[in-house]
Amino acid sequence: MNSSNVATRDFYTALKERRSIYAISNEQVASDERIKEIIHHAVKYTPSSFNSQSARVVVLLGDKHKKLWDITTDTLKAVVPADKFAPTQEKMDAFSAGYGTVLFFEDDEVVKGLQEQFALYADNFPVWSNQSNGMLQLVVWIALEQEGYGASLQHYNPLIDDKVKAEWNIPASWKLIAQMPFGKPVAPAGDKDFQPLEERVKIFK
């Protein structure tokens, strides 16, 4: 993976500067080929339980990205009262204004196969699957941030699942987990408060 154009920041700084960025534009910050490299690297090297490699990713750019948020808008209009839809429309417009969206899936066929193969842990595999996907989401999020993109994590599944699968011919066994719209930040994230670490971490020796 070519890292010559990655900002020279250490892991702690990258993790700290990753924030939920909602005000984004469609101005290109990194090449589409670079985005492809990021996704491939993240999917290949993010760990998964029993090395299941059950995560699946779809990247939507340009008109495909906008189509996703049109689908989401139309779906939400069917469940949100018209007189209360304005805030939702603002969110949809903000996401659509970005450069692209990363869709995160888990392949249920892989998960079910592990449940059958290791029956003793059957109840755990869906949980581990989601945990692995969460790690992948963070890896992609940090990598996009390092390239200069801002992103946020959204969860309009399962409302949009069927339409998304139909639009992009997604295999039936792929379960949509999250959506990550990204683009060039046009406004910073707000202030963030932190709880005392002494209340959240215990170390024994």
C-alpha atoms as a PDB file:
ATOM      1  CA  MET A   1       0.000   0.000   0.000  1.00  0.00           C
ATOM      2  CA  ASN A   2       1.511   3.326  -1.077  1.00  0.00           C
ATOM      3  CA  SER A   3       1.606   5.615   1.957  1.00  0.00           C
ATOM      4  CA  SER A   4       3.712   8.431   0.524  1.00  0.00           C
ATOM      5  CA  ASN A   5       0.825  10.909   0.613  1.00  0.00           C
ATOM      6  CA  VAL A   6      -0.480   9.957   4.070  1.00  0.00           C
ATOM      7  CA  ALA A   7      -0.053  12.655   6.702  1.00  0.00           C
ATOM      8  CA  THR A   8       2.820  11.771   8.998  1.00  0.00           C
ATOM      9  CA  ARG A   9       0.842  11.492  12.177  1.00  0.00           C
ATOM     10  CA  ASP A  10       1.097   8.760  14.751  1.00  0.00           C
ATOM     11  CA  PHE A  11      -1.751   6.428  15.583  1.00  0.00           C
ATOM     12  CA  TYR A  12      -2.771   8.282  18.747  1.00  0.00           C
ATOM     13  CA  THR A  13      -3.130  11.567  16.892  1.00  0.00           C
ATOM     14  CA  ALA A  14      -5.120   9.953  14.092  1.00  0.00           C
ATOM     15  CA  LEU A  15      -7.465   8.325  16.594  1.00  0.00           C
ATOM     16  CA  LYS A  16      -7.894  11.604  18.467  1.00  0.00           C
ATOM     17  CA  GLU A  17      -8.644  13.624  15.341  1.00  0.00           C
ATOM     18  CA  ARG A  18     -11.213  11.177  14.002  1.00  0.00           C
ATOM     19  CA  ARG A  19     -14.560  12.838  14.645  1.00  0.00           C
ATOM     20  CA  SER A  20     -18.105  12.709  13.320  1.00  0.00           C
ATOM     21  CA  ILE A  21     -18.092  15.292  10.536  1.00  0.00           C
ATOM     22  CA  TYR A  22     -21.528  16.130   9.142  1.00  0.00           C
ATOM     23  CA  ALA A  23     -20.754  19.237   7.078  1.00  0.00           C
ATOM     24  CA  ILE A  24     -19.019  17.838   3.994  1.00  0.00           C
ATOM     25  CA  SER A  25     -18.653  18.707   0.316  1.00  0.00           C
ATOM     26  CA  ASN A  26     -18.080  16.662  -2.821  1.00  0.00           C
ATOM     27  CA  GLU A  27     -14.680  18.217  -3.507  1.00  0.00           C
ATOM     28  CA  GLN A  28     -12.148  15.487  -4.210  1.00  0.00           C
ATOM     29  CA  VAL A  29      -9.399  15.271  -1.603  1.00  0.00           C
ATOM     30  CA  ALA A  30      -7.794  11.962  -2.554  1.00  0.00           C
ATOM     31  CA  SER A  31      -7.978   9.999  -5.786  1.00  0.00           C
ATOM     32  CA  ASP A  32     -10.543   7.253  -6.275  1.00  0.00           C
ATOM     33  CA  GLU A  33      -7.641   4.847  -6.638  1.00  0.00           C
ATOM     34  CA  ARG A  34      -6.389   5.931  -3.218  1.00  0.00           C
ATOM     35  CA  ILE A  35      -9.843   5.329  -1.731  1.00  0.00           C
ATOM     36  CA  LYS A  36      -9.787   1.851  -3.279  1.00  0.00           C
ATOM     37  CA  GLU A  37      -6.364   1.201  -1.705  1.00  0.00           C
ATOM     38  CA  ILE A  38      -7.664   2.263   1.711  1.00  0.00           C
ATOM     39  CA  ILE A  39     -10.696  -0.003   1.538  1.00  0.00           C
ATOM     40  CA  HIS A  40      -8.723  -2.986   0.243  1.00  0.00           C
ATOM     41  CA  HIS A  41      -6.073  -2.581   2.937  1.00  0.00           C
ATOM     42  CA  ALA A  42      -8.662  -2.204   5.708  1.00  0.00           C
ATOM     43  CA  VAL A  43     -10.775  -5.174   4.604  1.00  0.00           C
ATOM     44  CA  LYS A  44      -7.722  -7.402   4.204  1.00  0.00           C
ATOM     45  CA  TYR A  45      -5.996  -6.644   7.486  1.00  0.00           C
ATOM     46  CA  THR A  46      -8.741  -5.849  10.013  1.00  0.00           C
ATOM     47  CA  PRO A  47      -9.054  -8.900  12.294  1.00  0.00           C
ATOM     48  CA  SER A  48     -12.123 -11.122  12.478  1.00  0.00           C
ATOM     49  CA  SER A  49     -13.157 -13.959  14.787  1.00  0.00           C
ATOM     50  CA  PHE A  50     -11.833 -17.361  13.672  1.00  0.00           C
ATOM     51  CA  ASN A  51     -10.366 -15.447  10.716  1.00  0.00           C
ATOM     52  CA  SER A  52     -13.878 -15.583   9.264  1.00  0.00           C
ATOM     53  CA  GLN A  53     -13.309 -12.579   6.974  1.00  0.00           C
ATOM     54  CA  SER A  54     -17.088 -12.116   6.918  1.00  0.00           C
ATOM     55  CA  ALA A  55     -17.034  -8.347   6.331  1.00  0.00           C
ATOM     56  CA  ARG A  56     -18.148  -7.026   2.965  1.00  0.00           C
ATOM     57  CA  VAL A  57     -17.862  -3.444   1.709  1.00  0.00           C
ATOM     58  CA  VAL A  58     -19.488  -1.480  -1.093  1.00  0.00           C
ATOM     59  CA  VAL A  59     -18.119   1.972  -1.994  1.00  0.00           C
ATOM     60  CA  LEU A  60     -20.486   4.382  -3.747  1.00  0.00           C
ATOM     61  CA  LEU A  61     -19.043   7.457  -5.470  1.00  0.00           C
ATOM     62  CA  GLY A  62     -20.504  10.242  -7.599  1.00  0.00           C
ATOM     63  CA  ASP A  63     -24.052   9.645  -8.793  1.00  0.00           C
ATOM     64  CA  LYS A  64     -24.165   6.248  -7.067  1.00  0.00           C
ATOM     65  CA  HIS A  65     -23.483   7.960  -3.746  1.00  0.00           C
ATOM     66  CA  LYS A  66     -26.277  10.466  -4.359  1.00  0.00           C
ATOM     67  CA  LYS A  67     -28.610   7.652  -5.403  1.00  0.00           C
ATOM     68  CA  LEU A  68     -28.158   6.007  -2.013  1.00  0.00           C
ATOM     69  CA  TRP A  69     -29.322   9.102  -0.177  1.00  0.00           C
ATOM     70  CA  ASP A  70     -32.219   9.560  -2.608  1.00  0.00           C
ATOM     71  CA  ILE A  71     -33.285   6.004  -1.762  1.00  0.00           C
ATOM     72  CA  THR A  72     -32.899   6.713   1.947  1.00  0.00           C
ATOM     73  CA  THR A  73     -34.867   9.955   1.661  1.00  0.00           C
ATOM     74  CA  ASP A  74     -37.748   8.296  -0.198  1.00  0.00           C
ATOM     75  CA  THR A  75     -37.793   5.430   2.317  1.00  0.00           C
ATOM     76  CA  LEU A  76     -37.920   7.766   5.299  1.00  0.00           C
ATOM     77  CA  LYS A  77     -40.672   9.871   3.755  1.00  0.00           C
ATOM     78  CA  ALA A  78     -42.889   6.819   4.020  1.00  0.00           C
ATOM     79  CA  VAL A  79     -42.430   6.584   7.798  1.00  0.00           C
ATOM     80  CA  VAL A  80     -41.800  10.170   8.971  1.00  0.00           C
ATOM     81  CA  PRO A  81     -44.793  12.574   9.011  1.00  0.00           C
ATOM     82  CA  ALA A  82     -44.521  15.224   6.297  1.00  0.00           C
ATOM     83  CA  ASP A  83     -44.859  18.104   8.766  1.00  0.00           C
ATOM     84  CA  LYS A  84     -41.868  16.785  10.723  1.00  0.00           C
ATOM     85  CA  PHE A  85     -39.678  15.804   7.799  1.00  0.00           C
ATOM     86  CA  ALA A  86     -37.648  19.012   7.443  1.00  0.00           C
ATOM     87  CA  PRO A  87     -34.861  18.039   9.908  1.00  0.00           C
ATOM     88  CA  THR A  88     -34.580  14.635   8.253  1.00  0.00           C
ATOM     89  CA  GLN A  89     -34.362  16.254   4.824  1.00  0.00           C
ATOM     90  CA  GLU A  90     -31.528  18.464   6.083  1.00  0.00           C
ATOM     91  CA  LYS A  91     -29.611  15.375   7.180  1.00  0.00           C
ATOM     92  CA  MET A  92     -30.192  13.641   3.853  1.00  0.00           C
ATOM     93  CA  ASP A  93     -29.031  16.731   1.943  1.00  0.00           C
ATOM     94  CA  ALA A  94     -25.909  16.959   4.127  1.00  0.00           C
ATOM     95  CA  PHE A  95     -24.961  13.336   3.505  1.00  0.00           C
ATOM     96  CA  SER A  96     -25.723  13.603  -0.212  1.00  0.00           C
ATOM     97  CA  ALA A  97     -23.476  16.662  -0.470  1.00  0.00           C
ATOM     98  CA  GLY A  98     -20.419  14.515   0.248  1.00  0.00           C
ATOM     99  CA  TYR A  99     -18.020  12.730  -2.078  1.00  0.00           C
ATOM    100  CA  GLY A 100     -19.005   9.140  -1.391  1.00  0.00           C
ATOM    101  CA  THR A 101     -20.430   6.577   0.996  1.00  0.00           C
ATOM    102  CA  VAL A 102     -18.956   3.355   2.330  1.00  0.00           C
ATOM    103  CA  LEU A 103     -21.519   0.616   2.995  1.00  0.00           C
ATOM    104  CA  PHE A 104     -20.510  -2.012   5.551  1.00  0.00           C
ATOM    105  CA  PHE A 105     -22.025  -5.494   5.398  1.00  0.00           C
ATOM    106  CA  GLU A 106     -21.591  -8.870   7.074  1.00  0.00           C
ATOM    107  CA  ASP A 107     -22.068 -12.066   5.067  1.00  0.00           C
ATOM    108  CA  ASP A 108     -24.622 -14.123   7.002  1.00  0.00           C
ATOM    109  CA  GLU A 109     -23.659 -17.265   5.088  1.00  0.00           C
ATOM    110  CA  VAL A 110     -20.186 -17.112   6.580  1.00  0.00           C
ATOM    111  CA  VAL A 111     -21.561 -16.520  10.072  1.00  0.00           C
ATOM    112  CA  LYS A 112     -24.073 -19.368   9.793  1.00  0.00           C
ATOM    113  CA  GLY A 113     -21.356 -21.666   8.486  1.00  0.00           C
ATOM    114  CA  LEU A 114     -19.272 -20.991  11.578  1.00  0.00           C
ATOM    115  CA  GLN A 115     -22.294 -21.568  13.812  1.00  0.00           C
ATOM    116  CA  GLU A 116     -22.758 -24.993  12.237  1.00  0.00           C
ATOM    117  CA  GLN A 117     -19.076 -25.839  12.352  1.00  0.00           C
ATOM    118  CA  PHE A 118     -18.558 -24.710  15.954  1.00  0.00           C
ATOM    119  CA  ALA A 119     -21.940 -25.312  17.578  1.00  0.00           C
ATOM    120  CA  LEU A 120     -20.599 -24.669  21.071  1.00  0.00           C
ATOM    121  CA  TYR A 121     -20.053 -20.994  20.150  1.00  0.00           C
ATOM    122  CA  ALA A 122     -23.101 -20.598  17.922  1.00  0.00           C
ATOM    123  CA  ASP A 123     -24.654 -17.795  19.934  1.00  0.00           C
ATOM    124  CA  ASN A 124     -21.412 -15.830  19.923  1.00  0.00           C
ATOM    125  CA  PHE A 125     -20.688 -15.676  16.213  1.00  0.00           C
ATOM    126  CA  PRO A 126     -23.247 -12.943  15.372  1.00  0.00           C
ATOM    127  CA  VAL A 127     -21.849 -10.868  18.245  1.00  0.00           C
ATOM    128  CA  TRP A 128     -18.253 -11.426  17.146  1.00  0.00           C
ATOM    129  CA  SER A 129     -19.257 -10.650  13.584  1.00  0.00           C
ATOM    130  CA  ASN A 130     -20.586  -7.236  14.597  1.00  0.00           C
ATOM    131  CA  GLN A 131     -17.515  -6.572  16.718  1.00  0.00           C
ATOM    132  CA  SER A 132     -15.231  -7.327  13.769  1.00  0.00           C
ATOM    133  CA  ASN A 133     -17.281  -5.069  11.542  1.00  0.00           C
ATOM    134  CA  GLY A 134     -17.028  -2.296  14.112  1.00  0.00           C
ATOM    135  CA  MET A 135     -13.242  -2.591  14.031  1.00  0.00           C
ATOM    136  CA  LEU A 136     -13.325  -2.353  10.237  1.00  0.00           C
ATOM    137  CA  GLN A 137     -15.491   0.755  10.408  1.00  0.00           C
ATOM    138  CA  LEU A 138     -12.987   2.453  12.710  1.00  0.00           C
ATOM    139  CA  VAL A 139     -10.033   1.499  10.525  1.00  0.00           C
ATOM    140  CA  VAL A 140     -11.716   2.935   7.426  1.00  0.00           C
ATOM    141  CA  TRP A 141     -12.844   6.029   9.324  1.00  0.00           C
ATOM    142  CA  ILE A 142      -9.335   6.807  10.577  1.00  0.00           C
ATOM    143  CA  ALA A 143      -7.808   6.113   7.165  1.00  0.00           C
ATOM    144  CA  LEU A 144     -10.237   8.480   5.436  1.00  0.00           C
ATOM    145  CA  GLU A 145      -9.531  11.127   8.077  1.00  0.00           C
ATOM    146  CA  GLN A 146      -5.806  10.800   7.467  1.00  0.00           C
ATOM    147  CA  GLU A 147      -6.396  11.500   3.775  1.00  0.00           C
ATOM    148  CA  GLY A 148      -8.269  14.698   4.632  1.00  0.00           C
ATOM    149  CA  TYR A 149     -11.841  13.431   4.392  1.00  0.00           C
ATOM    150  CA  GLY A 150     -14.458  13.884   7.093  1.00  0.00           C
ATOM    151  CA  ALA A 151     -16.973  11.127   7.763  1.00  0.00           C
ATOM    152  CA  SER A 152     -19.784  10.028  10.036  1.00  0.00           C
ATOM    153  CA  LEU A 153     -21.408   6.689  10.760  1.00  0.00           C
ATOM    154  CA  GLN A 154     -25.100   6.208  10.007  1.00  0.00           C
ATOM    155  CA  HIS A 155     -27.555   3.357  10.539  1.00  0.00           C
ATOM    156  CA  TYR A 156     -30.590   3.513   8.270  1.00  0.00           C
ATOM    157  CA  ASN A 157     -30.657  -0.247   8.031  1.00  0.00           C
ATOM    158  CA  PRO A 158     -32.836  -2.290   7.945  1.00  0.00           C
ATOM    159  CA  LEU A 159     -35.248   0.263   6.427  1.00  0.00           C
ATOM    160  CA  ILE A 160     -33.199   0.653   3.244  1.00  0.00           C
ATOM    161  CA  ASP A 161     -31.771  -2.864   2.972  1.00  0.00           C
ATOM    162  CA  ASP A 162     -34.043  -4.295   0.284  1.00  0.00           C
ATOM    163  CA  LYS A 163     -33.831  -1.234  -1.973  1.00  0.00           C
ATOM    164  CA  VAL A 164     -30.051  -1.056  -1.638  1.00  0.00           C
ATOM    165  CA  LYS A 165     -29.679  -4.730  -2.508  1.00  0.00           C
ATOM    166  CA  ALA A 166     -31.962  -4.367  -5.499  1.00  0.00           C
ATOM    167  CA  GLU A 167     -30.252  -1.212  -6.783  1.00  0.00           C
ATOM    168  CA  TRP A 168     -26.708  -2.613  -6.700  1.00  0.00           C
ATOM    169  CA  ASN A 169     -27.406  -6.337  -7.028  1.00  0.00           C
ATOM    170  CA  ILE A 170     -26.072  -7.099  -3.555  1.00  0.00           C
ATOM    171  CA  PRO A 171     -26.095 -10.801  -2.585  1.00  0.00           C
ATOM    172  CA  ALA A 172     -29.039 -11.753  -0.387  1.00  0.00           C
ATOM    173  CA  SER A 173     -26.742 -13.085   2.350  1.00  0.00           C
ATOM    174  CA  TRP A 174     -25.050  -9.705   2.848  1.00  0.00           C
ATOM    175  CA  LYS A 175     -26.516  -7.958   5.888  1.00  0.00           C
ATOM    176  CA  LEU A 176     -26.197  -4.169   5.902  1.00  0.00           C
ATOM    177  CA  ILE A 177     -24.579  -2.952   9.123  1.00  0.00           C
ATOM    178  CA  ALA A 178     -23.771   0.747   8.631  1.00  0.00           C
ATOM    179  CA  GLN A 179     -23.342   3.595   6.167  1.00  0.00           C
ATOM    180  CA  MET A 180     -20.401   6.022   6.217  1.00  0.00           C
ATOM    181  CA  PRO A 181     -20.876   9.175   4.105  1.00  0.00           C
ATOM    182  CA  PHE A 182     -17.621  11.074   3.615  1.00  0.00           C
ATOM    183  CA  GLY A 183     -16.378  14.212   1.922  1.00  0.00           C
ATOM    184  CA  LYS A 184     -14.179  17.253   2.362  1.00  0.00           C
ATOM    185  CA  PRO A 185     -14.972  18.879   5.729  1.00  0.00           C
ATOM    186  CA  VAL A 186     -16.497  22.328   5.407  1.00  0.00           C
ATOM    187  CA  ALA A 187     -17.052  22.835   9.152  1.00  0.00           C
ATOM    188  CA  PRO A 188     -15.283  21.317  12.159  1.00  0.00           C
ATOM    189  CA  ALA A 189     -16.833  18.918  14.622  1.00  0.00           C
ATOM    190  CA  GLY A 190     -18.244  20.375  17.805  1.00  0.00           C
ATOM    191  CA  ASP A 191     -16.600  20.215  21.203  1.00  0.00           C
ATOM    192  CA  LYS A 192     -16.476  16.820  22.848  1.00  0.00           C
ATOM    193  CA  ASP A 193     -16.605  16.158  26.581  1.00  0.00           C
ATOM    194  CA  PHE A 194     -14.749  13.240  28.127  1.00  0.00           C
ATOM    195  CA  GLN A 195     -15.593  11.356  31.292  1.00  0.00           C
ATOM    196  CA  PRO A 196     -12.738  10.901  33.786  1.00  0.00           C
ATOM    197  CA  LEU A 197     -10.606   7.951  32.728  1.00  0.00           C
ATOM    198  CA  GLU A 198     -10.298   6.927  36.372  1.00  0.00           C
ATOM    199  CA  GLU A 199     -14.005   6.051  36.240  1.00  0.00           C
ATOM    200  CA  ARG A 200     -13.667   4.043  33.042  1.00  0.00           C
ATOM    201  CA  VAL A 201     -10.380   2.167  33.360  1.00  0.00           C
ATOM    202  CA  LYS A 202      -9.023  -0.114  36.076  1.00  0.00           C
ATOM    203  CA  ILE A 203      -5.477  -1.466  36.045  1.00  0.00           C
ATOM    204  CA  PHE A 204      -4.289  -4.185  38.414  1.00  0.00           C
ATOM    205  CA  LYS A 205      -0.765  -5.493  38.872  1.00  0.00           C
END
